[in-house]
Protein backbone atom coordinates (compact mmCIF):
# COMPACT_ATOMS: atom_id res chain seq x y z
CA GLU A 1 -4.66 41.69 -6.76
CA VAL A 2 -1.21 40.24 -6.14
CA ILE A 3 -0.44 36.92 -7.79
CA THR A 4 1.53 34.67 -5.45
CA PHE A 5 2.83 31.13 -5.50
CA SER A 6 2.94 28.69 -2.59
CA GLU A 7 5.21 25.76 -1.82
CA VAL A 8 2.66 23.48 -3.56
CA ASP A 9 3.34 25.32 -6.83
CA TYR A 10 7.02 24.41 -6.57
CA GLU A 11 6.43 20.65 -6.51
CA GLY A 12 8.64 19.06 -9.15
CA VAL A 13 10.56 22.30 -9.83
CA ARG A 14 14.32 22.19 -9.43
CA LEU A 15 15.50 25.34 -7.68
CA PRO A 16 16.96 27.74 -8.46
CA HIS A 17 15.14 27.98 -11.77
CA ASP A 18 14.80 30.62 -14.47
CA ASP A 19 12.38 28.79 -16.74
CA PRO A 20 9.78 30.84 -18.61
CA VAL A 21 6.09 30.54 -17.69
CA VAL A 22 3.23 29.94 -20.17
CA VAL A 23 -0.23 31.33 -19.33
CA THR A 24 -3.65 32.05 -20.84
CA LEU A 25 -4.88 35.67 -20.78
CA LEU A 26 -7.82 37.67 -22.07
CA VAL A 27 -6.45 40.15 -24.65
CA GLU A 28 -8.92 42.66 -26.15
CA LEU A 29 -11.77 40.30 -25.14
CA PHE A 30 -10.14 37.32 -26.91
CA THR A 31 -8.80 34.35 -24.97
CA MET A 32 -5.16 34.05 -25.94
CA LYS A 33 -3.50 30.76 -25.01
CA ARG A 34 0.17 29.79 -24.74
CA ILE A 35 1.48 33.24 -23.81
CA LEU A 36 5.15 32.96 -22.94
CA ILE A 37 6.27 35.04 -19.97
CA ASP A 38 10.03 35.26 -20.00
CA SER A 39 11.38 37.53 -17.29
CA GLY A 40 14.68 37.74 -19.15
CA SER A 41 13.08 39.40 -22.18
CA SER A 42 13.13 43.16 -22.64
CA ALA A 43 10.18 43.30 -25.07
CA ASP A 44 6.52 42.25 -25.16
CA ILE A 45 6.07 40.62 -28.57
CA LEU A 46 2.82 39.74 -30.32
CA TYR A 47 3.33 37.80 -33.53
CA LYS A 48 1.52 39.07 -36.64
CA HIS A 49 -0.65 35.95 -36.92
CA ALA A 50 -2.02 36.53 -33.39
CA PHE A 51 -2.42 40.27 -34.07
CA ASP A 52 -4.42 39.49 -37.23
CA GLN A 53 -6.76 37.23 -35.25
CA LEU A 54 -7.56 40.15 -32.91
CA ARG A 55 -9.03 41.91 -35.97
CA ILE A 56 -7.45 45.25 -35.08
CA PRO A 57 -6.78 47.43 -38.14
CA ALA A 58 -3.05 47.62 -38.87
CA ASP A 59 -3.30 51.42 -39.16
CA GLN A 60 -3.68 51.51 -35.36
CA LEU A 61 -0.06 50.39 -35.00
CA LYS A 62 2.33 53.17 -33.99
CA PRO A 63 5.63 53.22 -35.90
CA VAL A 64 8.67 51.73 -34.15
CA LYS A 65 12.15 52.63 -35.37
CA THR A 66 14.18 50.41 -33.04
CA PRO A 67 14.87 46.90 -34.36
CA LEU A 68 14.79 43.86 -32.08
CA VAL A 69 17.34 41.08 -31.94
CA GLY A 70 15.42 37.87 -32.58
CA PHE A 71 15.64 34.62 -30.64
CA ALA A 72 17.97 33.22 -33.32
CA GLY A 73 20.25 36.29 -33.10
CA LYS A 74 19.10 38.03 -36.28
CA MET A 75 17.65 41.54 -36.38
CA ILE A 76 13.88 41.92 -36.71
CA HIS A 77 12.02 45.13 -37.55
CA PRO A 78 8.67 45.31 -35.71
CA LEU A 79 5.57 46.28 -37.69
CA GLY A 80 4.71 48.73 -34.91
CA SER A 81 3.49 49.05 -31.36
CA ILE A 82 -0.01 49.18 -29.88
CA ASN A 83 -1.60 49.35 -26.43
CA LEU A 84 -3.86 46.38 -25.67
CA SER A 85 -6.21 45.61 -22.80
CA VAL A 86 -5.11 42.48 -20.91
CA VAL A 87 -7.05 40.66 -18.15
CA ALA A 88 -5.40 38.00 -15.97
CA GLY A 89 -7.32 35.75 -13.61
CA THR A 90 -11.02 35.32 -12.99
CA ALA A 91 -13.36 37.41 -10.86
CA PRO A 92 -13.06 38.23 -8.03
CA CYS A 93 -9.29 37.58 -8.28
CA GLN A 94 -8.31 39.27 -11.50
CA THR A 95 -6.35 42.23 -12.72
CA HIS A 96 -6.76 44.44 -15.78
CA VAL A 97 -3.79 46.25 -17.34
CA GLU A 98 -2.94 48.07 -20.54
CA MET A 99 0.17 46.63 -22.20
CA THR A 100 2.21 47.94 -25.11
C-alpha cells in the first residue's frame, strides 16, 4: 500500500521543507514510538536501549566493521546489524517490511 499525503497534511508547513518525520511503528510485535525518519540519513539506527527492550539476544547481531559518523561528528562503532520485522499502518492499509 502506498503512503501518500494530501494538501490537508501540509497545513502549517512552510515549503519547501526538509524536516524529519516522527512516527510510531510495530517492530518485532512491539509498538515503538518516536521513530525518527530522516531522509537525509544513510543508516537505519536502533539505539541499544531500544534493542534491549525488544528482548532479542545480542548474539543474533551480525558483525559490522564500518564505523558511523555520529550526529555530533564523532565516530561510532555499531554493535552489529540485524534484520527486523516492521509493520506500518493498520489493517487494511498497512505494509510489512524487513529492515536491517
